[in-house]
Amino acid sequence: MKLSLPSLLCALAFGLALTPAVSFADYQPAEFALEKLENLVTLTPAQRKQALHIYQNLKDVMDDMSPAERPAKGAQSRQDALAAIRGILTPEQQAIFDRAPPRLGGGAKSDPVMQALRLKIRTFVTDFARTSPEIAAKVGTVKKAVFLATGSMATSNGDSDDPAAHPESGTNMVSVTGSSATKTFTIFWAMNPSGEMTVTKVENTTK
């Protein structure tokens, strides 16, 4: 079933192990989280009311954090919410819930699709930083490019069945060490429906 939310804005956190979950810049509304769960399983009215309450509590907690804090600081809150949702489901519903990743409303521990997406974006951004004449003009011959989790953002208009896994644009920061200087750059990129990425803008964000 296609998600009806017209827009989706998410911050992508890229750790060295590429394991952090995707979290929303404006944390997802409780109704949206509930809709994803209902795409997986059919809820009774009582389950729906309980789930909405759990998701709203999670949103309230996450809204008190900045997007940059949520991947790490909000991890336990998200895990607690997933456990609470699982607790209101029947065994048959739990089996379905356990197989689906959180971005689709489930509680699976791993998400190969998002891990592959994070790796793809990370590789694209660092490769661009290493070979960009524009960046080389500011730092000299590039010796090292380090991907930074800070400032990572991706945007989708929600047209696909799985918006989080098909971003249309995004920004990522990279620290580049060259022969004459070390500077931090923000790379703005776009991704077409085929998954091909292009850089749309580069900003020197060195403080």
N, C-alpha and C. Protein backbone atom coordinates (compact mmCIF):
# COMPACT_ATOMS: atom_id res chain seq x y z
N MET A 1 0.85 -1.19 0.00
CA MET A 1 0.00 0.00 0.00
C MET A 1 0.88 1.24 0.00
N LYS A 2 0.53 2.24 -0.77
CA LYS A 2 1.34 3.44 -0.88
C LYS A 2 1.08 4.36 0.29
N LEU A 3 2.15 4.89 0.89
CA LEU A 3 2.02 5.83 1.99
C LEU A 3 1.48 7.14 1.46
N SER A 4 0.53 7.74 2.19
CA SER A 4 -0.14 8.92 1.67
C SER A 4 0.48 10.22 2.14
N LEU A 5 1.42 10.19 3.09
CA LEU A 5 2.01 11.43 3.54
C LEU A 5 2.67 12.13 2.36
N PRO A 6 2.33 13.40 2.08
CA PRO A 6 2.82 14.05 0.87
C PRO A 6 4.30 14.36 0.87
N SER A 7 4.91 14.48 2.00
CA SER A 7 6.34 14.78 2.01
C SER A 7 7.02 14.06 3.14
N LEU A 8 8.28 13.75 2.93
CA LEU A 8 9.06 13.03 3.93
C LEU A 8 10.43 13.66 4.01
N LEU A 9 10.80 14.09 5.22
CA LEU A 9 12.10 14.72 5.42
C LEU A 9 12.83 13.93 6.48
N CYS A 10 13.99 13.39 6.15
CA CYS A 10 14.68 12.55 7.12
C CYS A 10 16.15 12.86 7.18
N ALA A 11 16.69 12.74 8.38
CA ALA A 11 18.13 12.93 8.57
C ALA A 11 18.78 11.57 8.56
N LEU A 12 19.77 11.40 7.71
CA LEU A 12 20.45 10.12 7.62
C LEU A 12 21.71 10.18 8.46
N ALA A 13 21.80 9.31 9.45
CA ALA A 13 23.00 9.27 10.28
C ALA A 13 23.92 8.18 9.77
N PHE A 14 25.17 8.52 9.45
CA PHE A 14 26.10 7.58 8.86
C PHE A 14 27.24 7.30 9.83
N GLY A 15 27.18 6.19 10.54
CA GLY A 15 28.28 5.80 11.39
C GLY A 15 29.25 4.94 10.61
N LEU A 16 30.39 4.62 11.22
CA LEU A 16 31.39 3.82 10.53
C LEU A 16 30.85 2.43 10.19
N ALA A 17 29.99 1.91 11.05
CA ALA A 17 29.42 0.59 10.80
C ALA A 17 28.18 0.64 9.94
N LEU A 18 27.74 1.86 9.62
CA LEU A 18 26.54 2.05 8.80
C LEU A 18 25.32 1.37 9.40
N THR A 19 25.16 1.49 10.70
CA THR A 19 24.05 0.83 11.36
C THR A 19 22.98 1.75 11.92
N PRO A 20 23.19 3.06 12.11
CA PRO A 20 22.16 3.88 12.74
C PRO A 20 20.88 3.90 11.93
N ALA A 21 19.77 4.07 12.60
CA ALA A 21 18.48 4.12 11.93
C ALA A 21 18.26 5.50 11.32
N VAL A 22 17.29 5.56 10.41
CA VAL A 22 16.90 6.83 9.83
C VAL A 22 15.90 7.50 10.76
N SER A 23 16.08 8.76 10.99
CA SER A 23 15.15 9.49 11.85
C SER A 23 14.67 10.73 11.11
N PHE A 24 13.52 11.26 11.48
CA PHE A 24 12.94 12.37 10.76
C PHE A 24 13.43 13.70 11.31
N ALA A 25 13.66 14.68 10.41
CA ALA A 25 14.10 16.01 10.81
C ALA A 25 13.00 16.66 11.65
N ASP A 26 11.76 16.64 11.17
CA ASP A 26 10.61 16.94 12.00
C ASP A 26 10.03 15.57 12.30
N TYR A 27 10.17 15.09 13.54
CA TYR A 27 9.93 13.68 13.79
C TYR A 27 8.54 13.27 13.33
N GLN A 28 8.45 12.09 12.75
CA GLN A 28 7.24 11.66 12.07
C GLN A 28 6.00 11.76 12.96
N PRO A 29 4.92 12.26 12.41
CA PRO A 29 3.67 12.34 13.17
C PRO A 29 3.21 10.96 13.61
N ALA A 30 2.52 10.91 14.74
CA ALA A 30 2.03 9.64 15.26
C ALA A 30 1.10 8.97 14.26
N GLU A 31 0.32 9.76 13.56
CA GLU A 31 -0.62 9.21 12.58
C GLU A 31 0.11 8.54 11.42
N PHE A 32 1.25 9.09 11.05
CA PHE A 32 2.03 8.50 9.96
C PHE A 32 2.63 7.17 10.40
N ALA A 33 3.15 7.14 11.62
CA ALA A 33 3.70 5.89 12.15
C ALA A 33 2.61 4.82 12.24
N LEU A 34 1.43 5.23 12.67
CA LEU A 34 0.31 4.30 12.77
C LEU A 34 -0.08 3.78 11.39
N GLU A 35 -0.07 4.66 10.40
CA GLU A 35 -0.43 4.24 9.04
C GLU A 35 0.54 3.17 8.53
N LYS A 36 1.82 3.34 8.82
CA LYS A 36 2.81 2.35 8.39
C LYS A 36 2.55 1.01 9.08
N LEU A 37 2.23 1.05 10.37
CA LEU A 37 1.93 -0.20 11.08
C LEU A 37 0.70 -0.88 10.48
N GLU A 38 -0.30 -0.08 10.15
CA GLU A 38 -1.52 -0.65 9.58
C GLU A 38 -1.32 -1.15 8.16
N ASN A 39 -0.24 -0.71 7.51
CA ASN A 39 0.10 -1.29 6.21
C ASN A 39 0.62 -2.72 6.36
N LEU A 40 1.09 -3.03 7.57
CA LEU A 40 1.63 -4.36 7.84
C LEU A 40 0.57 -5.31 8.40
N VAL A 41 -0.18 -4.84 9.38
CA VAL A 41 -1.14 -5.71 10.07
C VAL A 41 -2.47 -4.99 10.24
N THR A 42 -3.53 -5.76 10.38
CA THR A 42 -4.85 -5.19 10.64
C THR A 42 -5.04 -5.07 12.14
N LEU A 43 -5.26 -3.84 12.59
CA LEU A 43 -5.40 -3.58 14.03
C LEU A 43 -6.86 -3.53 14.45
N THR A 44 -7.12 -3.96 15.66
CA THR A 44 -8.43 -3.77 16.24
C THR A 44 -8.54 -2.31 16.69
N PRO A 45 -9.74 -1.81 16.94
CA PRO A 45 -9.87 -0.43 17.43
C PRO A 45 -9.06 -0.20 18.71
N ALA A 46 -9.05 -1.19 19.59
CA ALA A 46 -8.29 -1.04 20.84
C ALA A 46 -6.79 -0.97 20.56
N GLN A 47 -6.30 -1.83 19.67
CA GLN A 47 -4.88 -1.81 19.31
C GLN A 47 -4.51 -0.48 18.64
N ARG A 48 -5.40 -0.01 17.81
CA ARG A 48 -5.12 1.25 17.10
C ARG A 48 -4.98 2.39 18.10
N LYS A 49 -5.86 2.44 19.08
CA LYS A 49 -5.81 3.50 20.10
C LYS A 49 -4.53 3.40 20.91
N GLN A 50 -4.14 2.19 21.29
CA GLN A 50 -2.91 1.99 22.06
C GLN A 50 -1.68 2.38 21.24
N ALA A 51 -1.66 1.97 19.98
CA ALA A 51 -0.51 2.26 19.13
C ALA A 51 -0.37 3.76 18.91
N LEU A 52 -1.47 4.44 18.69
CA LEU A 52 -1.42 5.89 18.48
C LEU A 52 -0.86 6.59 19.71
N HIS A 53 -1.25 6.11 20.89
CA HIS A 53 -0.75 6.69 22.14
C HIS A 53 0.77 6.48 22.27
N ILE A 54 1.23 5.28 21.93
CA ILE A 54 2.67 4.98 22.00
C ILE A 54 3.45 5.85 21.03
N TYR A 55 2.96 5.97 19.81
CA TYR A 55 3.66 6.76 18.80
C TYR A 55 3.66 8.25 19.17
N GLN A 56 2.57 8.73 19.76
CA GLN A 56 2.51 10.14 20.14
C GLN A 56 3.48 10.43 21.27
N ASN A 57 3.58 9.50 22.22
CA ASN A 57 4.55 9.68 23.30
C ASN A 57 5.98 9.73 22.76
N LEU A 58 6.26 8.85 21.78
CA LEU A 58 7.60 8.85 21.18
C LEU A 58 7.86 10.17 20.46
N LYS A 59 6.89 10.66 19.71
CA LYS A 59 7.07 11.93 19.01
C LYS A 59 7.34 13.06 19.99
N ASP A 60 6.61 13.08 21.11
CA ASP A 60 6.80 14.14 22.10
C ASP A 60 8.23 14.13 22.65
N VAL A 61 8.73 12.91 22.91
CA VAL A 61 10.10 12.79 23.42
C VAL A 61 11.12 13.23 22.37
N MET A 62 10.93 12.77 21.14
CA MET A 62 11.89 13.07 20.08
C MET A 62 11.85 14.53 19.67
N ASP A 63 10.69 15.15 19.76
CA ASP A 63 10.59 16.57 19.40
C ASP A 63 11.35 17.46 20.37
N ASP A 64 11.68 16.94 21.53
CA ASP A 64 12.48 17.69 22.49
C ASP A 64 13.97 17.61 22.18
N MET A 65 14.33 16.80 21.18
CA MET A 65 15.73 16.66 20.76
C MET A 65 15.92 17.31 19.40
N SER A 66 17.14 17.74 19.12
CA SER A 66 17.45 18.23 17.79
C SER A 66 17.62 17.03 16.86
N PRO A 67 17.44 17.21 15.53
CA PRO A 67 17.64 16.10 14.60
C PRO A 67 19.01 15.44 14.75
N ALA A 68 20.02 16.25 15.06
CA ALA A 68 21.37 15.69 15.19
C ALA A 68 21.50 14.78 16.40
N GLU A 69 20.70 15.02 17.44
CA GLU A 69 20.78 14.22 18.66
C GLU A 69 20.03 12.90 18.55
N ARG A 70 19.01 12.87 17.69
CA ARG A 70 18.10 11.73 17.69
C ARG A 70 18.71 10.37 17.37
N PRO A 71 19.63 10.27 16.39
CA PRO A 71 20.17 8.94 16.09
C PRO A 71 20.75 8.23 17.30
N ALA A 72 21.49 8.96 18.16
CA ALA A 72 22.12 8.33 19.32
C ALA A 72 21.27 8.49 20.58
N LYS A 73 20.92 9.73 20.89
CA LYS A 73 20.19 10.01 22.13
C LYS A 73 18.80 9.41 22.12
N GLY A 74 18.18 9.34 20.95
CA GLY A 74 16.81 8.84 20.87
C GLY A 74 16.71 7.34 20.63
N ALA A 75 17.86 6.66 20.53
CA ALA A 75 17.84 5.23 20.20
C ALA A 75 17.04 4.42 21.21
N GLN A 76 17.26 4.66 22.49
CA GLN A 76 16.55 3.89 23.51
C GLN A 76 15.06 4.18 23.48
N SER A 77 14.69 5.44 23.25
CA SER A 77 13.27 5.80 23.18
C SER A 77 12.59 5.08 22.02
N ARG A 78 13.28 5.00 20.88
CA ARG A 78 12.70 4.29 19.74
C ARG A 78 12.58 2.80 20.02
N GLN A 79 13.59 2.23 20.64
CA GLN A 79 13.54 0.80 20.96
C GLN A 79 12.42 0.51 21.96
N ASP A 80 12.24 1.39 22.94
CA ASP A 80 11.16 1.22 23.92
C ASP A 80 9.80 1.28 23.23
N ALA A 81 9.66 2.19 22.28
CA ALA A 81 8.39 2.33 21.57
C ALA A 81 8.11 1.09 20.72
N LEU A 82 9.13 0.57 20.05
CA LEU A 82 8.96 -0.64 19.24
C LEU A 82 8.56 -1.82 20.12
N ALA A 83 9.18 -1.92 21.30
CA ALA A 83 8.85 -3.00 22.22
C ALA A 83 7.41 -2.86 22.72
N ALA A 84 7.00 -1.62 22.96
CA ALA A 84 5.62 -1.39 23.41
C ALA A 84 4.62 -1.73 22.32
N ILE A 85 4.93 -1.38 21.08
CA ILE A 85 4.04 -1.72 19.96
C ILE A 85 3.95 -3.23 19.81
N ARG A 86 5.09 -3.89 19.88
CA ARG A 86 5.09 -5.35 19.75
C ARG A 86 4.25 -6.00 20.84
N GLY A 87 4.27 -5.38 22.01
CA GLY A 87 3.54 -5.93 23.15
C GLY A 87 2.03 -5.90 23.01
N ILE A 88 1.50 -5.04 22.14
CA ILE A 88 0.04 -4.97 21.98
C ILE A 88 -0.43 -5.84 20.81
N LEU A 89 0.51 -6.49 20.10
CA LEU A 89 0.15 -7.30 18.94
C LEU A 89 -0.06 -8.76 19.31
N THR A 90 -0.83 -9.46 18.50
CA THR A 90 -1.01 -10.90 18.66
C THR A 90 0.24 -11.62 18.16
N PRO A 91 0.43 -12.88 18.51
CA PRO A 91 1.60 -13.62 18.00
C PRO A 91 1.70 -13.62 16.48
N GLU A 92 0.56 -13.73 15.80
CA GLU A 92 0.58 -13.72 14.34
C GLU A 92 1.02 -12.34 13.81
N GLN A 93 0.53 -11.29 14.44
CA GLN A 93 0.93 -9.94 14.05
C GLN A 93 2.41 -9.70 14.37
N GLN A 94 2.87 -10.22 15.50
CA GLN A 94 4.26 -10.05 15.90
C GLN A 94 5.22 -10.65 14.87
N ALA A 95 4.84 -11.79 14.31
CA ALA A 95 5.69 -12.44 13.32
C ALA A 95 5.89 -11.55 12.10
N ILE A 96 4.82 -10.85 11.67
CA ILE A 96 4.92 -9.93 10.55
C ILE A 96 5.72 -8.69 10.95
N PHE A 97 5.44 -8.17 12.12
CA PHE A 97 6.12 -6.99 12.65
C PHE A 97 7.62 -7.22 12.75
N ASP A 98 8.01 -8.40 13.20
CA ASP A 98 9.43 -8.71 13.41
C ASP A 98 10.21 -8.82 12.10
N ARG A 99 9.52 -9.05 10.99
CA ARG A 99 10.21 -9.20 9.70
C ARG A 99 10.40 -7.86 8.99
N ALA A 100 9.61 -6.86 9.32
CA ALA A 100 9.64 -5.57 8.61
C ALA A 100 10.53 -4.56 9.33
N PRO A 101 11.32 -3.78 8.60
CA PRO A 101 12.18 -2.78 9.23
C PRO A 101 11.35 -1.61 9.76
N PRO A 102 11.90 -0.83 10.69
CA PRO A 102 11.16 0.30 11.27
C PRO A 102 10.65 1.31 10.24
N ARG A 103 11.40 1.52 9.16
CA ARG A 103 10.95 2.49 8.16
C ARG A 103 9.64 2.07 7.50
N LEU A 104 9.31 0.77 7.59
CA LEU A 104 8.06 0.26 7.04
C LEU A 104 7.05 -0.05 8.13
N GLY A 105 7.35 0.36 9.35
CA GLY A 105 6.42 0.17 10.45
C GLY A 105 6.68 -1.04 11.30
N GLY A 106 7.76 -1.76 11.03
CA GLY A 106 8.06 -2.97 11.79
C GLY A 106 9.13 -2.79 12.84
N GLY A 107 9.62 -3.91 13.34
CA GLY A 107 10.61 -3.86 14.40
C GLY A 107 11.84 -4.68 14.14
N ALA A 108 12.14 -4.98 12.87
CA ALA A 108 13.31 -5.78 12.54
C ALA A 108 14.59 -5.08 12.99
N LYS A 109 15.58 -5.85 13.41
CA LYS A 109 16.82 -5.29 13.92
C LYS A 109 17.73 -4.78 12.81
N SER A 110 17.64 -5.37 11.62
CA SER A 110 18.50 -4.95 10.52
C SER A 110 17.67 -4.49 9.34
N ASP A 111 18.28 -3.66 8.50
CA ASP A 111 17.60 -3.12 7.33
C ASP A 111 18.61 -3.03 6.18
N PRO A 112 18.78 -4.13 5.44
CA PRO A 112 19.78 -4.16 4.36
C PRO A 112 19.59 -3.06 3.32
N VAL A 113 18.35 -2.69 3.04
CA VAL A 113 18.09 -1.66 2.04
C VAL A 113 18.68 -0.32 2.47
N MET A 114 18.44 0.06 3.74
CA MET A 114 18.95 1.34 4.21
C MET A 114 20.46 1.29 4.41
N GLN A 115 20.99 0.15 4.80
CA GLN A 115 22.45 0.02 4.93
C GLN A 115 23.11 0.23 3.58
N ALA A 116 22.51 -0.35 2.53
CA ALA A 116 23.06 -0.19 1.18
C ALA A 116 22.95 1.26 0.71
N LEU A 117 21.84 1.92 1.06
CA LEU A 117 21.66 3.32 0.67
C LEU A 117 22.69 4.20 1.35
N ARG A 118 22.90 3.98 2.64
CA ARG A 118 23.88 4.79 3.37
C ARG A 118 25.28 4.61 2.79
N LEU A 119 25.62 3.37 2.46
CA LEU A 119 26.93 3.10 1.88
C LEU A 119 27.07 3.78 0.51
N LYS A 120 26.02 3.72 -0.27
CA LYS A 120 26.03 4.34 -1.60
C LYS A 120 26.26 5.84 -1.50
N ILE A 121 25.53 6.50 -0.62
CA ILE A 121 25.65 7.95 -0.47
C ILE A 121 27.03 8.32 0.08
N ARG A 122 27.47 7.57 1.07
CA ARG A 122 28.78 7.83 1.66
C ARG A 122 29.89 7.71 0.61
N THR A 123 29.84 6.66 -0.19
CA THR A 123 30.85 6.44 -1.22
C THR A 123 30.81 7.53 -2.27
N PHE A 124 29.62 7.91 -2.69
CA PHE A 124 29.47 8.95 -3.71
C PHE A 124 30.05 10.28 -3.23
N VAL A 125 29.69 10.65 -2.01
CA VAL A 125 30.13 11.96 -1.49
C VAL A 125 31.65 12.01 -1.30
N THR A 126 32.22 10.96 -0.74
CA THR A 126 33.67 10.97 -0.51
C THR A 126 34.44 10.88 -1.83
N ASP A 127 33.95 10.10 -2.78
CA ASP A 127 34.61 10.02 -4.09
C ASP A 127 34.58 11.37 -4.79
N PHE A 128 33.44 12.06 -4.69
CA PHE A 128 33.35 13.38 -5.30
C PHE A 128 34.34 14.34 -4.65
N ALA A 129 34.41 14.32 -3.32
CA ALA A 129 35.32 15.22 -2.61
C ALA A 129 36.77 14.98 -3.01
N ARG A 130 37.13 13.74 -3.25
CA ARG A 130 38.51 13.41 -3.61
C ARG A 130 38.88 13.87 -5.02
N THR A 131 37.89 14.00 -5.89
CA THR A 131 38.18 14.27 -7.31
C THR A 131 37.67 15.62 -7.80
N SER A 132 37.02 16.40 -6.95
CA SER A 132 36.42 17.65 -7.38
C SER A 132 37.47 18.76 -7.60
N PRO A 133 37.56 19.32 -8.80
CA PRO A 133 38.47 20.44 -9.04
C PRO A 133 38.10 21.65 -8.17
N GLU A 134 36.79 21.83 -7.92
CA GLU A 134 36.32 22.95 -7.11
C GLU A 134 36.87 22.85 -5.68
N ILE A 135 36.85 21.65 -5.13
CA ILE A 135 37.38 21.46 -3.77
C ILE A 135 38.90 21.55 -3.77
N ALA A 136 39.52 20.97 -4.77
CA ALA A 136 40.99 21.01 -4.86
C ALA A 136 41.49 22.45 -4.96
N ALA A 137 40.72 23.32 -5.58
CA ALA A 137 41.13 24.72 -5.72
C ALA A 137 41.19 25.42 -4.37
N LYS A 138 40.48 24.87 -3.39
CA LYS A 138 40.43 25.50 -2.07
C LYS A 138 41.38 24.86 -1.06
N VAL A 139 41.75 23.59 -1.28
CA VAL A 139 42.60 22.89 -0.30
C VAL A 139 43.91 22.39 -0.89
N GLY A 140 44.08 22.50 -2.17
CA GLY A 140 45.26 21.93 -2.82
C GLY A 140 45.00 20.48 -3.20
N THR A 141 46.05 19.77 -3.54
CA THR A 141 45.91 18.37 -3.91
C THR A 141 45.28 17.59 -2.75
N VAL A 142 44.15 16.94 -3.03
CA VAL A 142 43.41 16.25 -1.96
C VAL A 142 44.16 15.00 -1.52
N LYS A 143 44.37 14.91 -0.21
CA LYS A 143 45.05 13.75 0.37
C LYS A 143 44.09 12.83 1.11
N LYS A 144 43.04 13.43 1.68
CA LYS A 144 42.10 12.62 2.47
C LYS A 144 40.73 13.30 2.50
N ALA A 145 39.67 12.49 2.41
CA ALA A 145 38.30 12.99 2.54
C ALA A 145 37.58 12.12 3.56
N VAL A 146 37.08 12.75 4.62
CA VAL A 146 36.43 12.03 5.71
C VAL A 146 34.96 12.40 5.77
N PHE A 147 34.09 11.43 5.63
CA PHE A 147 32.64 11.62 5.70
C PHE A 147 32.24 11.96 7.12
N LEU A 148 31.38 12.97 7.29
CA LEU A 148 30.93 13.40 8.61
C LEU A 148 29.44 13.11 8.78
N ALA A 149 29.08 12.56 9.94
CA ALA A 149 27.66 12.29 10.20
C ALA A 149 26.89 13.59 10.39
N THR A 150 27.54 14.61 10.92
CA THR A 150 26.90 15.90 11.15
C THR A 150 26.38 16.49 9.85
N GLY A 151 25.16 16.99 9.89
CA GLY A 151 24.62 17.68 8.73
C GLY A 151 24.07 16.79 7.64
N SER A 152 23.96 15.49 7.89
CA SER A 152 23.42 14.58 6.87
C SER A 152 21.91 14.73 6.78
N MET A 153 21.41 14.91 5.57
CA MET A 153 19.97 15.10 5.37
C MET A 153 19.56 14.57 4.01
N ALA A 154 18.39 13.93 3.95
CA ALA A 154 17.86 13.48 2.66
C ALA A 154 16.37 13.79 2.60
N THR A 155 15.89 14.10 1.41
CA THR A 155 14.49 14.49 1.24
C THR A 155 13.82 13.68 0.14
N SER A 156 12.60 13.26 0.39
CA SER A 156 11.78 12.60 -0.62
C SER A 156 10.40 13.21 -0.61
N ASN A 157 9.76 13.27 -1.76
CA ASN A 157 8.41 13.84 -1.81
C ASN A 157 7.34 12.82 -1.46
N GLY A 158 7.74 11.58 -1.17
CA GLY A 158 6.77 10.58 -0.75
C GLY A 158 6.03 9.90 -1.88
N ASP A 159 6.45 10.12 -3.13
CA ASP A 159 5.73 9.52 -4.26
C ASP A 159 5.94 8.02 -4.37
N SER A 160 7.08 7.51 -3.87
CA SER A 160 7.34 6.08 -3.98
C SER A 160 6.66 5.34 -2.84
N ASP A 161 6.57 4.01 -2.98
CA ASP A 161 5.97 3.20 -1.92
C ASP A 161 6.85 3.17 -0.67
N ASP A 162 8.12 3.48 -0.84
CA ASP A 162 9.07 3.44 0.27
C ASP A 162 9.94 4.69 0.19
N PRO A 163 9.40 5.86 0.57
CA PRO A 163 10.11 7.13 0.38
C PRO A 163 11.49 7.18 1.03
N ALA A 164 11.62 6.64 2.23
CA ALA A 164 12.90 6.75 2.93
C ALA A 164 14.02 6.06 2.17
N ALA A 165 13.70 5.02 1.42
CA ALA A 165 14.71 4.27 0.68
C ALA A 165 14.95 4.85 -0.71
N HIS A 166 14.20 5.89 -1.08
CA HIS A 166 14.34 6.49 -2.41
C HIS A 166 14.39 8.02 -2.30
N PRO A 167 15.44 8.55 -1.68
CA PRO A 167 15.53 10.01 -1.55
C PRO A 167 15.74 10.67 -2.90
N GLU A 168 15.26 11.91 -3.03
CA GLU A 168 15.42 12.66 -4.27
C GLU A 168 16.57 13.65 -4.19
N SER A 169 16.91 14.06 -2.98
CA SER A 169 18.00 15.01 -2.81
C SER A 169 18.50 14.91 -1.38
N GLY A 170 19.66 15.51 -1.15
CA GLY A 170 20.20 15.47 0.20
C GLY A 170 21.46 16.31 0.33
N THR A 171 21.95 16.40 1.55
CA THR A 171 23.20 17.09 1.83
C THR A 171 24.03 16.25 2.80
N ASN A 172 25.33 16.29 2.61
CA ASN A 172 26.25 15.61 3.52
C ASN A 172 27.51 16.44 3.65
N MET A 173 28.14 16.33 4.81
CA MET A 173 29.36 17.09 5.06
C MET A 173 30.57 16.18 5.00
N VAL A 174 31.68 16.73 4.50
CA VAL A 174 32.91 15.96 4.39
C VAL A 174 34.08 16.87 4.74
N SER A 175 35.01 16.34 5.52
CA SER A 175 36.23 17.07 5.86
C SER A 175 37.32 16.65 4.88
N VAL A 176 37.88 17.63 4.19
CA VAL A 176 38.86 17.34 3.15
C VAL A 176 40.22 17.93 3.54
N THR A 177 41.21 17.09 3.56
CA THR A 177 42.58 17.52 3.83
C THR A 177 43.35 17.55 2.52
N GLY A 178 43.90 18.71 2.19
CA GLY A 178 44.67 18.86 0.98
C GLY A 178 46.10 19.28 1.28
N SER A 179 46.86 19.54 0.25
CA SER A 179 48.27 19.89 0.42
C SER A 179 48.46 21.27 1.04
N SER A 180 47.41 22.11 0.99
CA SER A 180 47.55 23.46 1.54
C SER A 180 46.60 23.79 2.67
N ALA A 181 45.54 23.00 2.86
CA ALA A 181 44.57 23.31 3.91
C ALA A 181 43.65 22.13 4.17
N THR A 182 42.97 22.20 5.31
CA THR A 182 41.90 21.25 5.63
C THR A 182 40.62 22.04 5.82
N LYS A 183 39.61 21.71 5.06
CA LYS A 183 38.34 22.43 5.12
C LYS A 183 37.18 21.45 5.12
N THR A 184 36.05 21.94 5.64
CA THR A 184 34.82 21.15 5.65
C THR A 184 33.88 21.67 4.57
N PHE A 185 33.33 20.75 3.80
CA PHE A 185 32.42 21.12 2.72
C PHE A 185 31.08 20.42 2.90
N THR A 186 30.01 21.12 2.50
CA THR A 186 28.69 20.51 2.43
C THR A 186 28.40 20.20 0.97
N ILE A 187 28.13 18.94 0.71
CA ILE A 187 27.84 18.48 -0.65
C ILE A 187 26.33 18.32 -0.80
N PHE A 188 25.76 19.04 -1.74
CA PHE A 188 24.33 18.93 -2.06
C PHE A 188 24.20 18.01 -3.27
N TRP A 189 23.31 17.04 -3.18
CA TRP A 189 23.18 16.09 -4.28
C TRP A 189 21.72 15.82 -4.62
N ALA A 190 21.54 15.26 -5.81
CA ALA A 190 20.20 14.83 -6.26
C ALA A 190 20.31 13.39 -6.71
N MET A 191 19.20 12.67 -6.58
CA MET A 191 19.16 11.28 -7.03
C MET A 191 17.93 11.09 -7.91
N ASN A 192 18.13 10.54 -9.12
CA ASN A 192 17.00 10.33 -10.01
C ASN A 192 16.30 9.01 -9.69
N PRO A 193 15.14 8.73 -10.30
CA PRO A 193 14.41 7.50 -9.99
C PRO A 193 15.20 6.23 -10.23
N SER A 194 16.22 6.30 -11.10
CA SER A 194 17.06 5.12 -11.36
C SER A 194 18.16 4.95 -10.31
N GLY A 195 18.26 5.91 -9.41
CA GLY A 195 19.27 5.81 -8.37
C GLY A 195 20.59 6.49 -8.70
N GLU A 196 20.67 7.15 -9.85
CA GLU A 196 21.90 7.84 -10.23
C GLU A 196 22.00 9.16 -9.46
N MET A 197 23.20 9.46 -8.95
CA MET A 197 23.40 10.64 -8.13
C MET A 197 24.25 11.68 -8.87
N THR A 198 23.91 12.95 -8.65
CA THR A 198 24.68 14.06 -9.20
C THR A 198 24.82 15.12 -8.12
N VAL A 199 25.93 15.85 -8.13
CA VAL A 199 26.15 16.94 -7.19
C VAL A 199 25.53 18.21 -7.77
N THR A 200 24.74 18.91 -6.95
CA THR A 200 24.09 20.13 -7.40
C THR A 200 24.75 21.40 -6.88
N LYS A 201 25.45 21.28 -5.74
CA LYS A 201 26.11 22.46 -5.16
C LYS A 201 27.14 22.01 -4.13
N VAL A 202 28.19 22.81 -3.99
CA VAL A 202 29.20 22.56 -2.97
C VAL A 202 29.40 23.84 -2.18
N GLU A 203 29.36 23.75 -0.85
CA GLU A 203 29.59 24.91 -0.01
C GLU A 203 30.75 24.65 0.93
N ASN A 204 31.61 25.67 1.09
CA ASN A 204 32.69 25.60 2.08
C ASN A 204 32.09 25.99 3.42
N THR A 205 31.96 25.04 4.33
CA THR A 205 31.32 25.31 5.62
C THR A 205 32.33 25.28 6.76
N THR A 206 33.60 25.48 6.45
CA THR A 206 34.63 25.50 7.48
C THR A 206 34.36 26.65 8.44
N LYS A 207 34.39 26.36 9.74
CA LYS A 207 34.16 27.40 10.74
C LYS A 207 35.48 28.11 11.07
